[in-house]
PDB file of N, CA and C in Angstrom:
ATOM      1  N   UNK A   1      44.115  -0.713  37.146  1.00  0.00           N
ATOM      2  CA  UNK A   1      42.464  -0.586  36.440  1.00  0.00           C
ATOM      3  C   UNK A   1      41.426  -1.492  37.536  1.00  0.00           C
ATOM      4  N   UNK A   2      40.420  -0.883  37.702  1.00  0.00           N
ATOM      5  CA  UNK A   2      39.359  -1.790  38.657  1.00  0.00           C
ATOM      6  C   UNK A   2      38.962  -2.805  37.881  1.00  0.00           C
ATOM      7  N   UNK A   3      38.816  -3.891  38.417  1.00  0.00           N
ATOM      8  CA  UNK A   3      38.244  -5.073  38.229  1.00  0.00           C
ATOM      9  C   UNK A   3      39.372  -6.178  37.596  1.00  0.00           C
ATOM     10  N   UNK A   4      40.355  -5.674  37.267  1.00  0.00           N
ATOM     11  CA  UNK A   4      41.429  -7.017  36.790  1.00  0.00           C
ATOM     12  C   UNK A   4      42.424  -7.326  38.303  1.00  0.00           C
ATOM     13  N   UNK A   5      42.171  -8.333  38.541  1.00  0.00           N
ATOM     14  CA  UNK A   5      42.960  -9.131  39.759  1.00  0.00           C
ATOM     15  C   UNK A   5      43.866  -9.845  39.080  1.00  0.00           C
ATOM     16  N   UNK A   6      44.060 -10.731  38.095  1.00  0.00           N
ATOM     17  CA  UNK A   6      45.152 -11.683  37.485  1.00  0.00           C
ATOM     18  C   UNK A   6      45.881 -10.927  36.706  1.00  0.00           C
ATOM     19  N   UNK A   7      45.580  -9.816  35.872  1.00  0.00           N
ATOM     20  CA  UNK A   7      46.130  -9.252  34.892  1.00  0.00           C
ATOM     21  C   UNK A   7      46.363  -9.959  33.947  1.00  0.00           C
ATOM     22  N   UNK A   8      47.343 -10.115  33.089  1.00  0.00           N
ATOM     23  CA  UNK A   8      47.448 -10.649  31.809  1.00  0.00           C
ATOM     24  C   UNK A   8      47.424 -12.109  31.606  1.00  0.00           C
ATOM     25  N   UNK A   9      47.649 -12.763  30.628  1.00  0.00           N
ATOM     26  CA  UNK A   9      47.438 -14.207  30.388  1.00  0.00           C
ATOM     27  C   UNK A   9      48.984 -14.548  30.306  1.00  0.00           C
ATOM     28  N   UNK A  10      49.291 -15.252  31.077  1.00  0.00           N
ATOM     29  CA  UNK A  10      51.012 -15.879  30.965  1.00  0.00           C
ATOM     30  C   UNK A  10      51.156 -16.816  29.928  1.00  0.00           C
ATOM     31  N   UNK A  11      50.091 -17.864  29.402  1.00  0.00           N
ATOM     32  CA  UNK A  11      50.211 -18.644  28.704  1.00  0.00           C
ATOM     33  C   UNK A  11      49.127 -19.427  28.324  1.00  0.00           C
ATOM     34  N   UNK A  12      48.846 -20.158  27.416  1.00  0.00           N
ATOM     35  CA  UNK A  12      47.741 -21.010  27.083  1.00  0.00           C
ATOM     36  C   UNK A  12      48.348 -22.192  26.729  1.00  0.00           C
ATOM     37  N   UNK A  13      48.080 -23.513  27.066  1.00  0.00           N
ATOM     38  CA  UNK A  13      48.769 -24.440  26.892  1.00  0.00           C
ATOM     39  C   UNK A  13      47.413 -25.817  26.768  1.00  0.00           C
ATOM     40  N   UNK A  14      47.737 -26.583  25.817  1.00  0.00           N
ATOM     41  CA  UNK A  14      46.855 -27.623  25.269  1.00  0.00           C
ATOM     42  C   UNK A  14      47.548 -29.030  25.681  1.00  0.00           C
ATOM     43  N   UNK A  15      46.825 -29.677  26.511  1.00  0.00           N
ATOM     44  CA  UNK A  15      47.537 -30.891  27.077  1.00  0.00           C
ATOM     45  C   UNK A  15      46.519 -32.008  26.596  1.00  0.00           C
ATOM     46  N   UNK A  16      47.174 -33.378  25.943  1.00  0.00           N
ATOM     47  CA  UNK A  16      46.459 -34.166  25.240  1.00  0.00           C
ATOM     48  C   UNK A  16      46.844 -35.423  26.192  1.00  0.00           C
ATOM     49  N   UNK A  17      46.037 -36.128  26.736  1.00  0.00           N
ATOM     50  CA  UNK A  17      46.149 -37.313  27.402  1.00  0.00           C
ATOM     51  C   UNK A  17      45.291 -38.264  27.524  1.00  0.00           C
ATOM     52  N   UNK A  18      45.432 -39.351  27.543  1.00  0.00           N
ATOM     53  CA  UNK A  18      44.389 -40.767  27.838  1.00  0.00           C
ATOM     54  C   UNK A  18      43.930 -40.813  29.107  1.00  0.00           C
ATOM     55  N   UNK A  19      42.728 -40.579  29.361  1.00  0.00           N
ATOM     56  CA  UNK A  19      41.736 -40.773  30.632  1.00  0.00           C
ATOM     57  C   UNK A  19      40.609 -41.569  30.757  1.00  0.00           C
ATOM     58  N   UNK A  20      40.427 -42.246  31.719  1.00  0.00           N
ATOM     59  CA  UNK A  20      39.385 -43.517  31.686  1.00  0.00           C
ATOM     60  C   UNK A  20      38.564 -43.034  32.986  1.00  0.00           C
ATOM     61  N   UNK A  21      37.292 -42.529  32.289  1.00  0.00           N
ATOM     62  CA  UNK A  21      36.457 -41.800  33.359  1.00  0.00           C
ATOM     63  C   UNK A  21      35.618 -43.030  34.328  1.00  0.00           C
ATOM     64  N   UNK A  22      35.199 -43.041  35.175  1.00  0.00           N
ATOM     65  CA  UNK A  22      34.234 -44.139  35.826  1.00  0.00           C
ATOM     66  C   UNK A  22      32.937 -43.678  35.374  1.00  0.00           C
ATOM     67  N   UNK A  23      32.438 -45.038  35.866  1.00  0.00           N
ATOM     68  CA  UNK A  23      30.822 -45.056  35.346  1.00  0.00           C
ATOM     69  C   UNK A  23      29.962 -43.701  35.798  1.00  0.00           C
ATOM     70  N   UNK A  24      29.167 -43.144  35.196  1.00  0.00           N
ATOM     71  CA  UNK A  24      28.332 -42.139  35.927  1.00  0.00           C
ATOM     72  C   UNK A  24      26.802 -42.863  35.903  1.00  0.00           C
ATOM     73  N   UNK A  25      26.245 -42.673  36.849  1.00  0.00           N
ATOM     74  CA  UNK A  25      25.008 -43.128  37.115  1.00  0.00           C
ATOM     75  C   UNK A  25      23.996 -42.558  36.613  1.00  0.00           C
ATOM     76  N   UNK A  26      22.674 -43.331  36.369  1.00  0.00           N
ATOM     77  CA  UNK A  26      21.928 -42.814  35.693  1.00  0.00           C
ATOM     78  C   UNK A  26      21.170 -41.413  35.896  1.00  0.00           C
ATOM     79  N   UNK A  27      20.581 -40.376  35.227  1.00  0.00           N
ATOM     80  CA  UNK A  27      20.244 -38.976  35.770  1.00  0.00           C
ATOM     81  C   UNK A  27      21.259 -38.339  36.705  1.00  0.00           C
ATOM     82  N   UNK A  28      22.405 -38.005  36.638  1.00  0.00           N
ATOM     83  CA  UNK A  28      23.010 -37.673  37.616  1.00  0.00           C
ATOM     84  C   UNK A  28      24.196 -36.868  36.782  1.00  0.00           C
ATOM     85  N   UNK A  29      24.966 -36.033  37.657  1.00  0.00           N
ATOM     86  CA  UNK A  29      26.227 -35.436  37.050  1.00  0.00           C
ATOM     87  C   UNK A  29      27.332 -35.906  38.441  1.00  0.00           C
ATOM     88  N   UNK A  30      28.293 -36.115  37.620  1.00  0.00           N
ATOM     89  CA  UNK A  30      29.325 -36.750  38.864  1.00  0.00           C
ATOM     90  C   UNK A  30      30.757 -36.132  38.568  1.00  0.00           C
ATOM     91  N   UNK A  31      31.305 -35.321  39.505  1.00  0.00           N
ATOM     92  CA  UNK A  31      32.750 -34.939  39.090  1.00  0.00           C
ATOM     93  C   UNK A  31      33.752 -35.770  39.387  1.00  0.00           C
ATOM     94  N   UNK A  32      34.742 -36.029  38.576  1.00  0.00           N
ATOM     95  CA  UNK A  32      35.892 -36.968  38.745  1.00  0.00           C
ATOM     96  C   UNK A  32      37.385 -36.198  38.576  1.00  0.00           C
ATOM     97  N   UNK A  33      37.995 -36.610  39.368  1.00  0.00           N
ATOM     98  CA  UNK A  33      39.697 -36.292  39.688  1.00  0.00           C
ATOM     99  C   UNK A  33      40.461 -37.030  38.418  1.00  0.00           C
ATOM    100  N   UNK A  34      41.496 -35.913  37.943  1.00  0.00           N
ATOM    101  CA  UNK A  34      42.363 -36.691  36.827  1.00  0.00           C
ATOM    102  C   UNK A  34      43.606 -36.073  37.178  1.00  0.00           C
ATOM    103  N   UNK A  35      44.755 -36.619  37.072  1.00  0.00           N
ATOM    104  CA  UNK A  35      45.947 -36.346  37.038  1.00  0.00           C
ATOM    105  C   UNK A  35      46.518 -35.578  35.893  1.00  0.00           C
ATOM    106  N   UNK A  36      46.754 -34.514  35.922  1.00  0.00           N
ATOM    107  CA  UNK A  36      47.335 -33.826  34.630  1.00  0.00           C
ATOM    108  C   UNK A  36      48.729 -32.955  35.055  1.00  0.00           C
ATOM    109  N   UNK A  37      49.666 -33.756  34.754  1.00  0.00           N
ATOM    110  CA  UNK A  37      50.830 -33.218  35.199  1.00  0.00           C
ATOM    111  C   UNK A  37      50.943 -31.849  34.609  1.00  0.00           C
ATOM    112  N   UNK A  38      51.831 -30.855  35.453  1.00  0.00           N
ATOM    113  CA  UNK A  38      52.404 -29.668  34.989  1.00  0.00           C
ATOM    114  C   UNK A  38      51.137 -28.281  35.383  1.00  0.00           C
ATOM    115  N   UNK A  39      49.825 -29.072  35.499  1.00  0.00           N
ATOM    116  CA  UNK A  39      48.790 -27.790  35.906  1.00  0.00           C
ATOM    117  C   UNK A  39      49.487 -27.483  37.482  1.00  0.00           C
ATOM    118  N   UNK A  40      49.207 -26.020  37.678  1.00  0.00           N
ATOM    119  CA  UNK A  40      49.781 -25.230  38.947  1.00  0.00           C
ATOM    120  C   UNK A  40      48.353 -24.816  39.592  1.00  0.00           C
ATOM    121  N   UNK A  41      47.854 -24.845  40.845  1.00  0.00           N
ATOM    122  CA  UNK A  41      46.918 -24.374  41.613  1.00  0.00           C
ATOM    123  C   UNK A  41      46.895 -22.746  40.998  1.00  0.00           C
ATOM    124  N   UNK A  42      45.682 -22.245  40.605  1.00  0.00           N
ATOM    125  CA  UNK A  42      45.392 -20.775  40.215  1.00  0.00           C
ATOM    126  C   UNK A  42      45.686 -20.918  38.604  1.00  0.00           C
ATOM    127  N   UNK A  43      45.882 -22.039  37.858  1.00  0.00           N
ATOM    128  CA  UNK A  43      45.682 -22.086  36.612  1.00  0.00           C
ATOM    129  C   UNK A  43      44.215 -22.335  36.224  1.00  0.00           C
ATOM    130  N   UNK A  44      43.581 -21.968  35.028  1.00  0.00           N
ATOM    131  CA  UNK A  44      42.254 -21.983  34.637  1.00  0.00           C
ATOM    132  C   UNK A  44      42.110 -22.917  33.786  1.00  0.00           C
ATOM    133  N   UNK A  45      40.941 -23.861  33.866  1.00  0.00           N
ATOM    134  CA  UNK A  45      40.832 -25.087  32.698  1.00  0.00           C
ATOM    135  C   UNK A  45      39.759 -23.882  31.828  1.00  0.00           C
ATOM    136  N   UNK A  46      40.199 -24.016  30.364  1.00  0.00           N
ATOM    137  CA  UNK A  46      39.008 -23.553  29.719  1.00  0.00           C
ATOM    138  C   UNK A  46      38.468 -24.130  28.790  1.00  0.00           C
ATOM    139  N   UNK A  47      38.758 -25.264  28.484  1.00  0.00           N
ATOM    140  CA  UNK A  47      38.050 -26.365  27.732  1.00  0.00           C
ATOM    141  C   UNK A  47      38.526 -27.684  27.988  1.00  0.00           C
ATOM    142  N   UNK A  48      37.567 -28.728  27.898  1.00  0.00           N
ATOM    143  CA  UNK A  48      38.020 -30.162  28.061  1.00  0.00           C
ATOM    144  C   UNK A  48      37.088 -30.867  27.028  1.00  0.00           C
ATOM    145  N   UNK A  49      37.434 -31.679  26.096  1.00  0.00           N
ATOM    146  CA  UNK A  49      36.927 -32.326  25.070  1.00  0.00           C
ATOM    147  C   UNK A  49      37.295 -33.658  25.021  1.00  0.00           C
ATOM    148  N   UNK A  50      36.540 -34.488  24.667  1.00  0.00           N
ATOM    149  CA  UNK A  50      36.862 -36.054  24.248  1.00  0.00           C
ATOM    150  C   UNK A  50      36.817 -36.033  23.021  1.00  0.00           C
ATOM    151  N   UNK A  51      37.818 -36.723  22.405  1.00  0.00           N
ATOM    152  CA  UNK A  51      38.344 -36.669  21.022  1.00  0.00           C
ATOM    153  C   UNK A  51      37.141 -38.148  20.485  1.00  0.00           C
ATOM    154  N   UNK A  52      36.579 -38.991  21.436  1.00  0.00           N
ATOM    155  CA  UNK A  52      35.602 -39.860  20.990  1.00  0.00           C
ATOM    156  C   UNK A  52      34.692 -39.710  22.071  1.00  0.00           C
ATOM    157  N   UNK A  53      33.361 -39.478  21.250  1.00  0.00           N
ATOM    158  CA  UNK A  53      31.919 -39.246  22.117  1.00  0.00           C
ATOM    159  C   UNK A  53      31.498 -40.563  22.353  1.00  0.00           C
ATOM    160  N   UNK A  54      30.898 -40.774  23.663  1.00  0.00           N
ATOM    161  CA  UNK A  54      30.433 -41.779  24.320  1.00  0.00           C
ATOM    162  C   UNK A  54      28.792 -41.285  24.200  1.00  0.00           C
ATOM    163  N   UNK A  55      27.943 -42.156  23.519  1.00  0.00           N
ATOM    164  CA  UNK A  55      26.590 -41.400  23.401  1.00  0.00           C
ATOM    165  C   UNK A  55      25.729 -41.675  24.821  1.00  0.00           C
ATOM    166  N   UNK A  56      25.111 -40.506  24.868  1.00  0.00           N
ATOM    167  CA  UNK A  56      24.523 -40.091  26.194  1.00  0.00           C
ATOM    168  C   UNK A  56      25.375 -39.466  27.283  1.00  0.00           C
ATOM    169  N   UNK A  57      26.590 -39.310  27.024  1.00  0.00           N
ATOM    170  CA  UNK A  57      27.504 -38.669  28.221  1.00  0.00           C
ATOM    171  C   UNK A  57      28.008 -37.544  27.809  1.00  0.00           C
ATOM    172  N   UNK A  58      27.826 -36.465  28.907  1.00  0.00           N
ATOM    173  CA  UNK A  58      28.786 -34.936  28.366  1.00  0.00           C
ATOM    174  C   UNK A  58      29.249 -34.784  29.489  1.00  0.00           C
ATOM    175  N   UNK A  59      30.036 -33.434  29.180  1.00  0.00           N
ATOM    176  CA  UNK A  59      30.949 -32.958  30.121  1.00  0.00           C
ATOM    177  C   UNK A  59      30.067 -31.677  30.466  1.00  0.00           C
ATOM    178  N   UNK A  60      29.704 -31.342  31.628  1.00  0.00           N
ATOM    179  CA  UNK A  60      28.939 -30.464  32.127  1.00  0.00           C
ATOM    180  C   UNK A  60      29.866 -29.281  32.774  1.00  0.00           C
ATOM    181  N   UNK A  61      31.145 -29.676  33.200  1.00  0.00           N
ATOM    182  CA  UNK A  61      32.017 -28.497  33.853  1.00  0.00           C
ATOM    183  C   UNK A  61      33.149 -29.179  34.069  1.00  0.00           C
ATOM    184  N   UNK A  62      34.245 -28.244  34.265  1.00  0.00           N
ATOM    185  CA  UNK A  62      35.621 -28.611  34.852  1.00  0.00           C
ATOM    186  C   UNK A  62      36.353 -27.463  35.305  1.00  0.00           C
ATOM    187  N   UNK A  63      37.542 -27.998  36.200  1.00  0.00           N
ATOM    188  CA  UNK A  63      38.352 -26.919  36.892  1.00  0.00           C
ATOM    189  C   UNK A  63      39.449 -27.317  37.132  1.00  0.00           C
ATOM    190  N   UNK A  64      40.635 -26.641  37.578  1.00  0.00           N
ATOM    191  CA  UNK A  64      41.589 -27.137  37.996  1.00  0.00           C
ATOM    192  C   UNK A  64      41.498 -27.088  39.708  1.00  0.00           C
ATOM    193  N   UNK A  65      40.972 -28.315  40.188  1.00  0.00           N
ATOM    194  CA  UNK A  65      41.204 -28.589  41.640  1.00  0.00           C
ATOM    195  C   UNK A  65      42.445 -28.085  42.592  1.00  0.00           C
ATOM    196  N   UNK A  66      43.584 -28.546  42.043  1.00  0.00           N
ATOM    197  CA  UNK A  66      45.126 -28.443  42.679  1.00  0.00           C
ATOM    198  C   UNK A  66      46.221 -28.574  41.851  1.00  0.00           C
ATOM    199  N   UNK A  67      47.005 -28.558  42.175  1.00  0.00           N
ATOM    200  CA  UNK A  67      48.230 -28.838  41.288  1.00  0.00           C
ATOM    201  C   UNK A  67      48.125 -30.166  40.798  1.00  0.00           C
ATOM    202  N   UNK A  68      48.631 -30.242  39.670  1.00  0.00           N
ATOM    203  CA  UNK A  68      48.723 -31.554  39.001  1.00  0.00           C
ATOM    204  C   UNK A  68      47.276 -32.399  38.838  1.00  0.00           C
ATOM    205  N   UNK A  69      46.012 -31.500  39.061  1.00  0.00           N
ATOM    206  CA  UNK A  69      44.558 -32.185  39.216  1.00  0.00           C
ATOM    207  C   UNK A  69      43.695 -31.326  38.603  1.00  0.00           C
ATOM    208  N   UNK A  70      42.997 -31.947  37.697  1.00  0.00           N
ATOM    209  CA  UNK A  70      41.801 -31.164  36.919  1.00  0.00           C
ATOM    210  C   UNK A  70      40.468 -32.143  37.108  1.00  0.00           C
ATOM    211  N   UNK A  71      39.494 -31.698  37.872  1.00  0.00           N
ATOM    212  CA  UNK A  71      38.270 -32.087  37.907  1.00  0.00           C
ATOM    213  C   UNK A  71      37.288 -31.800  36.526  1.00  0.00           C
ATOM    214  N   UNK A  72      36.780 -32.987  36.359  1.00  0.00           N
ATOM    215  CA  UNK A  72      35.787 -33.051  34.899  1.00  0.00           C
ATOM    216  C   UNK A  72      34.258 -33.311  35.612  1.00  0.00           C
ATOM    217  N   UNK A  73      33.325 -32.821  35.400  1.00  0.00           N
ATOM    218  CA  UNK A  73      32.026 -33.108  35.832  1.00  0.00           C
ATOM    219  C   UNK A  73      31.328 -33.728  34.513  1.00  0.00           C
ATOM    220  N   UNK A  74      30.880 -34.935  34.728  1.00  0.00           N
ATOM    221  CA  UNK A  74      30.331 -35.342  33.631  1.00  0.00           C
ATOM    222  C   UNK A  74      28.543 -35.785  33.833  1.00  0.00           C
ATOM    223  N   UNK A  75      28.003 -35.717  32.831  1.00  0.00           N
ATOM    224  CA  UNK A  75      26.499 -35.780  33.182  1.00  0.00           C
ATOM    225  C   UNK A  75      25.879 -36.854  32.318  1.00  0.00           C
ATOM    226  N   UNK A  76      25.094 -37.668  33.036  1.00  0.00           N
ATOM    227  CA  UNK A  76      24.100 -38.772  32.195  1.00  0.00           C
ATOM    228  C   UNK A  76      22.685 -38.333  32.291  1.00  0.00           C
ATOM    229  N   UNK A  77      22.090 -38.019  31.417  1.00  0.00           N
ATOM    230  CA  UNK A  77      20.642 -37.521  31.594  1.00  0.00           C
ATOM    231  C   UNK A  77      19.919 -38.821  31.050  1.00  0.00           C
ATOM    232  N   UNK A  78      20.456 -40.271  30.902  1.00  0.00           N
ATOM    233  CA  UNK A  78      19.929 -41.113  30.274  1.00  0.00           C
ATOM    234  C   UNK A  78      19.166 -42.174  31.402  1.00  0.00           C
ATOM    235  N   UNK A  79      18.470 -43.054  30.919  1.00  0.00           N
ATOM    236  CA  UNK A  79      17.915 -44.090  31.722  1.00  0.00           C
ATOM    237  C   UNK A  79      18.908 -45.010  32.399  1.00  0.00           C
ATOM    238  N   UNK A  80      20.058 -45.273  31.850  1.00  0.00           N
ATOM    239  CA  UNK A  80      20.976 -46.265  32.512  1.00  0.00           C
ATOM    240  C   UNK A  80      22.557 -45.686  32.614  1.00  0.00           C
ATOM    241  N   UNK A  81      23.419 -46.340  33.680  1.00  0.00           N
ATOM    242  CA  UNK A  81      24.649 -45.815  33.971  1.00  0.00           C
ATOM    243  C   UNK A  81      25.548 -46.016  32.384  1.00  0.00           C
ATOM    244  N   UNK A  82      26.351 -44.955  32.370  1.00  0.00           N
ATOM    245  CA  UNK A  82      27.279 -44.938  31.384  1.00  0.00           C
ATOM    246  C   UNK A  82      28.590 -45.259  31.434  1.00  0.00           C
ATOM    247  N   UNK A  83      29.218 -46.111  31.129  1.00  0.00           N
ATOM    248  CA  UNK A  83      30.890 -46.434  31.255  1.00  0.00           C
ATOM    249  C   UNK A  83      31.736 -45.978  30.278  1.00  0.00           C
ATOM    250  N   UNK A  84      31.985 -44.827  30.170  1.00  0.00           N
ATOM    251  CA  UNK A  84      33.032 -44.591  28.968  1.00  0.00           C
ATOM    252  C   UNK A  84      34.224 -45.260  29.143  1.00  0.00           C
ATOM    253  N   UNK A  85      34.641 -45.679  27.762  1.00  0.00           N
ATOM    254  CA  UNK A  85      35.903 -46.596  27.606  1.00  0.00           C
ATOM    255  C   UNK A  85      37.005 -45.561  27.747  1.00  0.00           C
ATOM    256  N   UNK A  86      38.283 -45.600  28.087  1.00  0.00           N
ATOM    257  CA  UNK A  86      39.185 -44.965  28.215  1.00  0.00           C
ATOM    258  C   UNK A  86      39.493 -44.171  26.929  1.00  0.00           C
ATOM    259  N   UNK A  87      39.888 -42.937  26.855  1.00  0.00           N
ATOM    260  CA  UNK A  87      40.098 -42.381  25.546  1.00  0.00           C
ATOM    261  C   UNK A  87      40.998 -41.107  25.859  1.00  0.00           C
ATOM    262  N   UNK A  88      41.226 -40.575  24.763  1.00  0.00           N
ATOM    263  CA  UNK A  88      42.067 -39.525  24.369  1.00  0.00           C
ATOM    264  C   UNK A  88      41.285 -37.929  24.808  1.00  0.00           C
ATOM    265  N   UNK A  89      41.495 -37.151  25.652  1.00  0.00           N
ATOM    266  CA  UNK A  89      40.915 -35.946  26.048  1.00  0.00           C
ATOM    267  C   UNK A  89      41.943 -34.806  25.859  1.00  0.00           C
ATOM    268  N   UNK A  90      41.546 -33.577  25.463  1.00  0.00           N
ATOM    269  CA  UNK A  90      42.430 -32.398  25.111  1.00  0.00           C
ATOM    270  C   UNK A  90      41.785 -31.462  26.016  1.00  0.00           C
ATOM    271  N   UNK A  91      42.712 -30.881  27.210  1.00  0.00           N
ATOM    272  CA  UNK A  91      42.409 -29.908  27.767  1.00  0.00           C
ATOM    273  C   UNK A  91      43.220 -28.469  27.750  1.00  0.00           C
ATOM    274  N   UNK A  92      42.312 -27.549  27.688  1.00  0.00           N
ATOM    275  CA  UNK A  92      43.053 -26.422  27.354  1.00  0.00           C
ATOM    276  C   UNK A  92      43.252 -25.701  28.839  1.00  0.00           C
ATOM    277  N   UNK A  93      44.446 -25.100  29.187  1.00  0.00           N
ATOM    278  CA  UNK A  93      44.662 -24.610  30.449  1.00  0.00           C
ATOM    279  C   UNK A  93      45.255 -23.167  30.356  1.00  0.00           C
ATOM    280  N   UNK A  94      45.044 -22.321  30.516  1.00  0.00           N
ATOM    281  CA  UNK A  94      45.269 -20.991  30.645  1.00  0.00           C
ATOM    282  C   UNK A  94      45.994 -20.562  32.216  1.00  0.00           C
ATOM    283  N   UNK A  95      47.069 -20.028  32.075  1.00  0.00           N
ATOM    284  CA  UNK A  95      47.862 -19.479  33.119  1.00  0.00           C
ATOM    285  C   UNK A  95      48.054 -18.302  33.468  1.00  0.00           C
ATOM    286  N   UNK A  96      47.371 -17.409  34.163  1.00  0.00           N
ATOM    287  CA  UNK A  96      47.693 -16.043  34.588  1.00  0.00           C
ATOM    288  C   UNK A  96      48.828 -15.666  34.558  1.00  0.00           C
ATOM    289  N   UNK A  97      49.414 -14.396  34.333  1.00  0.00           N
ATOM    290  CA  UNK A  97      50.876 -13.855  34.211  1.00  0.00           C
ATOM    291  C   UNK A  97      51.095 -13.920  35.847  1.00  0.00           C
ATOM    292  N   UNK A  98      50.098 -13.384  36.578  1.00  0.00           N
ATOM    293  CA  UNK A  98      50.354 -13.054  38.058  1.00  0.00           C
ATOM    294  C   UNK A  98      49.181 -13.481  38.947  1.00  0.00           C
ATOM    295  N   UNK A  99      49.766 -13.649  39.918  1.00  0.00           N
ATOM    296  CA  UNK A  99      48.661 -14.033  41.128  1.00  0.00           C
ATOM    297  C   UNK A  99      48.035 -12.814  41.904  1.00  0.00           C
ATOM    298  N   UNK A 100      47.141 -12.991  42.653  1.00  0.00           N
ATOM    299  CA  UNK A 100      46.259 -11.872  43.363  1.00  0.00           C
ATOM    300  C   UNK A 100      47.591 -11.106  44.197  1.00  0.00           C
ATOM    301  N   UNK A 101      48.678 -11.359  44.563  1.00  0.00           N
ATOM    302  CA  UNK A 101      49.440 -10.582  45.335  1.00  0.00           C
ATOM    303  C   UNK A 101      50.609 -10.084  44.300  1.00  0.00           C
ATOM    304  N   UNK A 102      50.709 -10.441  43.120  1.00  0.00           N
ATOM    305  CA  UNK A 102      51.587  -9.876  42.178  1.00  0.00           C
ATOM    306  C   UNK A 102      52.738 -10.977  41.839  1.00  0.00           C
ATOM    307  N   UNK A 103      52.734 -11.905  42.383  1.00  0.00           N
ATOM    308  CA  UNK A 103      53.503 -12.800  42.091  1.00  0.00           C
ATOM    309  C   UNK A 103      53.707 -13.479  40.660  1.00  0.00           C
ATOM    310  N   UNK A 104      54.893 -14.140  40.221  1.00  0.00           N
ATOM    311  CA  UNK A 104      54.696 -14.454  38.631  1.00  0.00           C
ATOM    312  C   UNK A 104      54.863 -16.075  39.295  1.00  0.00           C
ATOM    313  N   UNK A 105      53.908 -16.964  38.343  1.00  0.00           N
ATOM    314  CA  UNK A 105      53.692 -18.200  38.586  1.00  0.00           C
ATOM    315  C   UNK A 105      55.041 -18.857  38.256  1.00  0.00           C
ATOM    316  N   UNK A 106      55.583 -20.261  38.911  1.00  0.00           N
ATOM    317  CA  UNK A 106      56.654 -20.596  38.417  1.00  0.00           C
ATOM    318  C   UNK A 106      56.686 -21.739  37.419  1.00  0.00           C
TER     319      UNK A 106
END
């Protein structure tokens, strides 16, 4: 079928872990890397949420950067730096059933 590269979804996983984001400077966006055991290169980050909000700090994007690594881009539109306290994050990961070459992820 034209337009389908990765095929079906092999699985959707929800990971819950404590992360401690670094300070985000005023009026900027900053990508930060976090270790997420079990994530594979080729997986897709679908959602990242903070269970406790930090006023003024938002999540602008996220991606699987490499095996065991998820990058989250935080945005701070305020007039001062924001340093969020460590907290619980939920990350939803989608794993394709096969890769571009027809292999099945391990």
